[in-house]
């Protein structure tokens, strides 16, 4: 009987130790739940930051060069350069001017002063069509201040009026009158040259390019405010 009691007591003690040992055993973490694919795209990862913890700047987008408002290049010209700034309305020379092409009636001349030349300027001169070699005469009394050869105007003459307030410009000449020189005093109707096609004139359309402009106070022969010559010509 005593041996049976001893056996049962041993069983109870062993069972208690086993229970304590199971409580002290480490347990594995539970397995993660498996995501169910519902057809939705996964959320994008958060943007990475730099070393300082700030987000990198957004990339710059360069503009299309075709959309830039590029400045236009100035058109070529065979007339004197206009004075800079906003020019006042010019006055006109006193009296009437002689038609500068010998024997040309006024009713055969077209007023081409306001004709456009490109997108940026107007003609600001008269083109008087005449056969090559036709005489070109001074439109008024004055002084020859410059004999000049330019790419657009060809052989040109700049004449000041007696007050040196106005300049008369003759261009595309075939040649100058014999003996013409700078500083010479000329009278109205004096021969100064001959109609031609020099410069950028059409070889098949000889003509005189004639302009009038009011000089600046500096009296620079190449600069001034344009004046329409057509109303100034004597009929």
Protein backbone atom coordinates (compact mmCIF):
# COMPACT_ATOMS: atom_id res chain seq x y z
CA UNK A 1 0.00 0.00 0.00
CA UNK A 2 2.88 2.31 0.87
CA UNK A 3 4.53 1.72 -2.50
CA UNK A 4 1.34 2.76 -4.33
CA UNK A 5 1.17 6.05 -2.44
CA UNK A 6 4.84 6.73 -3.24
CA UNK A 7 4.22 6.05 -6.98
CA UNK A 8 1.23 8.42 -7.22
CA UNK A 9 3.13 11.17 -5.41
CA UNK A 10 6.00 10.85 -7.90
CA UNK A 11 3.61 11.11 -10.83
CA UNK A 12 2.07 14.31 -9.49
CA UNK A 13 5.46 15.92 -8.86
CA UNK A 14 6.66 15.01 -12.38
CA UNK A 15 3.54 16.44 -14.00
CA UNK A 16 4.00 19.77 -12.15
CA UNK A 17 7.62 20.06 -13.30
CA UNK A 18 6.65 19.38 -16.89
CA UNK A 19 4.05 22.18 -16.74
CA UNK A 20 6.60 24.65 -15.37
CA UNK A 21 9.12 23.67 -18.07
CA UNK A 22 6.55 24.23 -20.88
CA UNK A 23 5.72 27.74 -19.52
CA UNK A 24 9.39 28.70 -19.67
CA UNK A 25 10.03 27.55 -23.27
CA UNK A 26 10.44 30.42 -25.89
CA UNK A 27 7.61 30.71 -28.40
CA UNK A 28 8.04 31.53 -32.12
CA UNK A 29 6.45 34.76 -33.51
CA UNK A 30 3.19 34.18 -35.32
CA UNK A 31 3.45 33.84 -39.08
CA UNK A 32 2.51 37.06 -40.98
CA UNK A 33 -0.85 37.19 -42.56
CA UNK A 34 -0.84 36.49 -46.30
CA UNK A 35 -2.22 39.47 -48.30
CA UNK A 36 -5.11 38.63 -50.53
CA UNK A 37 -4.73 40.05 -54.11
CA UNK A 38 -7.83 42.12 -54.72
CA UNK A 39 -6.60 43.60 -58.04
CA UNK A 40 -5.51 46.99 -56.57
CA UNK A 41 -1.95 48.25 -57.20
CA UNK A 42 0.28 48.47 -54.14
CA UNK A 43 0.84 51.93 -52.66
CA UNK A 44 4.02 53.64 -53.97
CA UNK A 45 6.94 53.80 -51.58
CA UNK A 46 7.50 57.11 -49.79
CA UNK A 47 9.99 59.45 -51.52
CA UNK A 48 13.53 59.07 -50.38
CA UNK A 49 15.14 61.98 -48.61
CA UNK A 50 18.66 63.32 -48.77
CA UNK A 51 21.27 63.31 -46.08
CA UNK A 52 19.74 66.41 -44.48
CA UNK A 53 16.32 64.77 -44.35
CA UNK A 54 14.82 67.12 -46.99
CA UNK A 55 13.13 66.06 -50.18
CA UNK A 56 15.22 66.61 -53.35
CA UNK A 57 14.11 69.58 -55.57
CA UNK A 58 11.83 68.87 -58.50
CA UNK A 59 13.69 68.62 -61.86
CA UNK A 60 13.61 71.81 -63.99
CA UNK A 61 11.94 71.67 -67.39
CA UNK A 62 13.70 73.72 -70.09
CA UNK A 63 11.39 75.68 -72.44
CA UNK A 64 11.08 74.77 -76.07
CA UNK A 65 13.32 77.16 -78.03
CA UNK A 66 10.65 77.46 -80.70
CA UNK A 67 8.39 79.16 -78.15
CA UNK A 68 10.89 81.87 -77.19
CA UNK A 69 10.12 85.37 -78.40
CA UNK A 70 13.37 85.96 -80.29
CA UNK A 71 14.12 89.47 -81.48
CA UNK A 72 13.98 90.12 -85.19
CA UNK A 73 17.07 91.25 -87.00
CA UNK A 74 16.78 94.77 -88.52
CA UNK A 75 16.12 94.92 -92.21
CA UNK A 76 18.67 96.41 -94.57
CA UNK A 77 18.14 99.97 -95.64
CA UNK A 78 19.40 102.34 -98.29
CA UNK A 79 18.10 105.47 -96.53
CA UNK A 80 19.85 107.54 -93.83
CA UNK A 81 19.61 106.25 -90.27
CA UNK A 82 16.71 107.77 -88.33
CA UNK A 83 17.59 109.72 -85.21
CA UNK A 84 17.36 107.63 -82.01
CA UNK A 85 14.46 108.05 -79.60
CA UNK A 86 11.02 109.38 -80.34
CA UNK A 87 11.57 111.89 -83.12
CA UNK A 88 9.34 114.99 -83.26
CA UNK A 89 7.31 115.69 -86.37
CA UNK A 90 9.82 117.30 -88.72
CA UNK A 91 9.32 120.65 -90.38
CA UNK A 92 9.74 120.95 -94.14
CA UNK A 93 12.20 122.96 -96.21
CA UNK A 94 10.92 126.33 -97.37
CA UNK A 95 9.77 126.59 -100.99
CA UNK A 96 9.33 123.82 -103.52
CA UNK A 97 12.01 121.37 -104.63
CA UNK A 98 12.91 120.71 -108.24
CA UNK A 99 12.25 117.17 -109.50
CA UNK A 100 15.76 115.64 -109.24
CA UNK A 101 15.55 113.63 -112.49
CA UNK A 102 15.96 115.89 -115.50
CA UNK A 103 12.86 116.11 -117.73
CA UNK A 104 10.70 113.94 -115.46
CA UNK A 105 7.15 115.37 -114.97
CA UNK A 106 5.72 115.11 -111.47
CA UNK A 107 2.65 113.19 -112.68
CA UNK A 108 4.97 110.34 -113.74
CA UNK A 109 6.36 109.92 -110.22
CA UNK A 110 4.72 107.59 -107.70
CA UNK A 111 4.74 108.47 -104.00
CA UNK A 112 6.59 105.47 -102.55
CA UNK A 113 7.45 107.10 -99.21
CA UNK A 114 5.13 104.92 -97.09
CA UNK A 115 5.64 101.67 -98.95
CA UNK A 116 6.62 98.84 -96.54
CA UNK A 117 10.11 97.41 -96.71
CA UNK A 118 10.05 94.13 -94.80
CA UNK A 119 8.27 93.92 -91.45
CA UNK A 120 10.04 96.73 -89.62
CA UNK A 121 10.27 99.86 -91.73
CA UNK A 122 8.88 101.94 -94.58
CA UNK A 123 10.65 103.18 -97.65
CA UNK A 124 10.86 106.81 -96.46
CA UNK A 125 12.06 107.90 -99.90
CA UNK A 126 10.99 108.17 -103.54
CA UNK A 127 12.05 105.78 -106.28
CA UNK A 128 11.99 107.78 -109.51
CA UNK A 129 12.19 105.39 -112.46
CA UNK A 130 14.19 106.64 -115.45
CA UNK A 131 16.53 105.22 -118.13
CA UNK A 132 20.08 104.59 -117.05
CA UNK A 133 22.24 107.66 -117.71
CA UNK A 134 19.43 110.20 -117.25
CA UNK A 135 20.74 113.39 -115.64
CA UNK A 136 20.26 113.87 -111.87
CA UNK A 137 20.14 117.53 -110.77
CA UNK A 138 20.22 119.34 -107.44
CA UNK A 139 16.71 119.92 -106.09
CA UNK A 140 17.71 123.23 -104.44
CA UNK A 141 20.67 125.41 -103.65
CA UNK A 142 23.12 123.99 -101.13
CA UNK A 143 26.44 122.30 -100.48
CA UNK A 144 27.71 118.81 -101.32
CA UNK A 145 28.82 117.43 -97.95
CA UNK A 146 29.48 113.78 -98.76
CA UNK A 147 30.14 111.55 -101.76
CA UNK A 148 29.72 108.04 -100.42
CA UNK A 149 29.65 104.49 -101.77
CA UNK A 150 27.60 102.00 -99.76
CA UNK A 151 26.45 98.43 -100.31
CA UNK A 152 22.72 99.29 -100.32
CA UNK A 153 22.85 102.76 -101.88
CA UNK A 154 25.73 102.36 -104.31
CA UNK A 155 27.09 105.73 -105.45
CA UNK A 156 25.37 108.38 -103.29
CA UNK A 157 25.37 112.14 -102.79
CA UNK A 158 24.49 113.96 -99.56
CA UNK A 159 23.61 117.65 -99.98
CA UNK A 160 22.79 120.16 -97.22
CA UNK A 161 20.48 123.11 -97.80
CA UNK A 162 21.92 126.63 -97.17
CA UNK A 163 20.68 126.64 -93.55
CA UNK A 164 22.19 123.18 -92.93
CA UNK A 165 18.91 122.11 -91.36
CA UNK A 166 17.94 119.67 -94.12
CA UNK A 167 19.77 117.08 -96.17
CA UNK A 168 18.96 115.75 -99.65
CA UNK A 169 20.05 112.21 -100.45
CA UNK A 170 20.56 110.84 -103.99
CA UNK A 171 21.36 107.13 -104.39
CA UNK A 172 21.97 104.32 -106.96
CA UNK A 173 23.83 106.75 -109.25
CA UNK A 174 25.61 105.34 -112.25
CA UNK A 175 28.35 107.99 -111.92
CA UNK A 176 28.94 111.47 -110.57
CA UNK A 177 28.97 114.64 -112.62
CA UNK A 178 32.46 115.54 -113.80
CA UNK A 179 34.33 117.59 -111.24
CA UNK A 180 31.77 117.04 -108.42
CA UNK A 181 33.50 117.07 -105.04
CA UNK A 182 32.72 117.42 -101.36
CA UNK A 183 32.36 121.00 -100.19
CA UNK A 184 31.21 122.24 -103.60
CA UNK A 185 28.39 124.79 -103.67
CA UNK A 186 25.57 123.88 -106.08
CA UNK A 187 22.60 125.76 -107.43
CA UNK A 188 19.11 124.47 -108.03
CA UNK A 189 19.19 122.46 -111.30
CA UNK A 190 22.96 121.89 -111.36
CA UNK A 191 24.05 118.48 -112.67
CA UNK A 192 25.33 116.19 -109.87
CA UNK A 193 25.14 112.71 -111.41
CA UNK A 194 23.35 110.16 -113.57
CA UNK A 195 20.61 107.58 -112.91
CA UNK A 196 21.99 104.08 -112.43
CA UNK A 197 21.60 100.70 -110.74
CA UNK A 198 24.48 100.67 -108.26
CA UNK A 199 24.02 99.25 -104.76
CA UNK A 200 21.05 96.95 -104.20
CA UNK A 201 19.01 98.36 -107.11
CA UNK A 202 17.53 95.93 -109.64
CA UNK A 203 19.83 95.96 -112.71
CA UNK A 204 16.71 95.84 -114.89
CA UNK A 205 15.03 98.80 -113.15
CA UNK A 206 17.32 101.84 -113.10
CA UNK A 207 16.03 104.61 -110.86
CA UNK A 208 17.00 107.42 -108.51
CA UNK A 209 16.41 106.80 -104.80
CA UNK A 210 15.75 110.28 -103.38
CA UNK A 211 15.21 111.14 -99.71
CA UNK A 212 14.90 114.26 -97.56
CA UNK A 213 15.57 114.37 -93.83
CA UNK A 214 15.77 116.99 -91.13
CA UNK A 215 19.21 117.00 -89.55
CA UNK A 216 19.93 116.60 -85.84
CA UNK A 217 21.69 119.46 -83.98
CA UNK A 218 24.96 117.58 -84.53
CA UNK A 219 24.39 117.89 -88.31
CA UNK A 220 25.58 114.34 -89.03
CA UNK A 221 25.13 113.72 -92.74
CA UNK A 222 23.98 110.11 -92.21
CA UNK A 223 21.37 110.76 -89.50
CA UNK A 224 18.08 112.66 -89.25
CA UNK A 225 14.28 112.59 -89.23
CA UNK A 226 12.75 111.53 -92.57
CA UNK A 227 10.53 113.93 -94.48
CA UNK A 228 8.25 112.87 -97.34
CA UNK A 229 9.74 114.50 -100.47
CA UNK A 230 6.69 113.99 -102.68
CA UNK A 231 4.57 116.96 -101.45
CA UNK A 232 7.68 119.17 -101.66
CA UNK A 233 8.31 118.63 -105.38
CA UNK A 234 7.38 121.38 -107.81
CA UNK A 235 4.66 120.26 -110.27
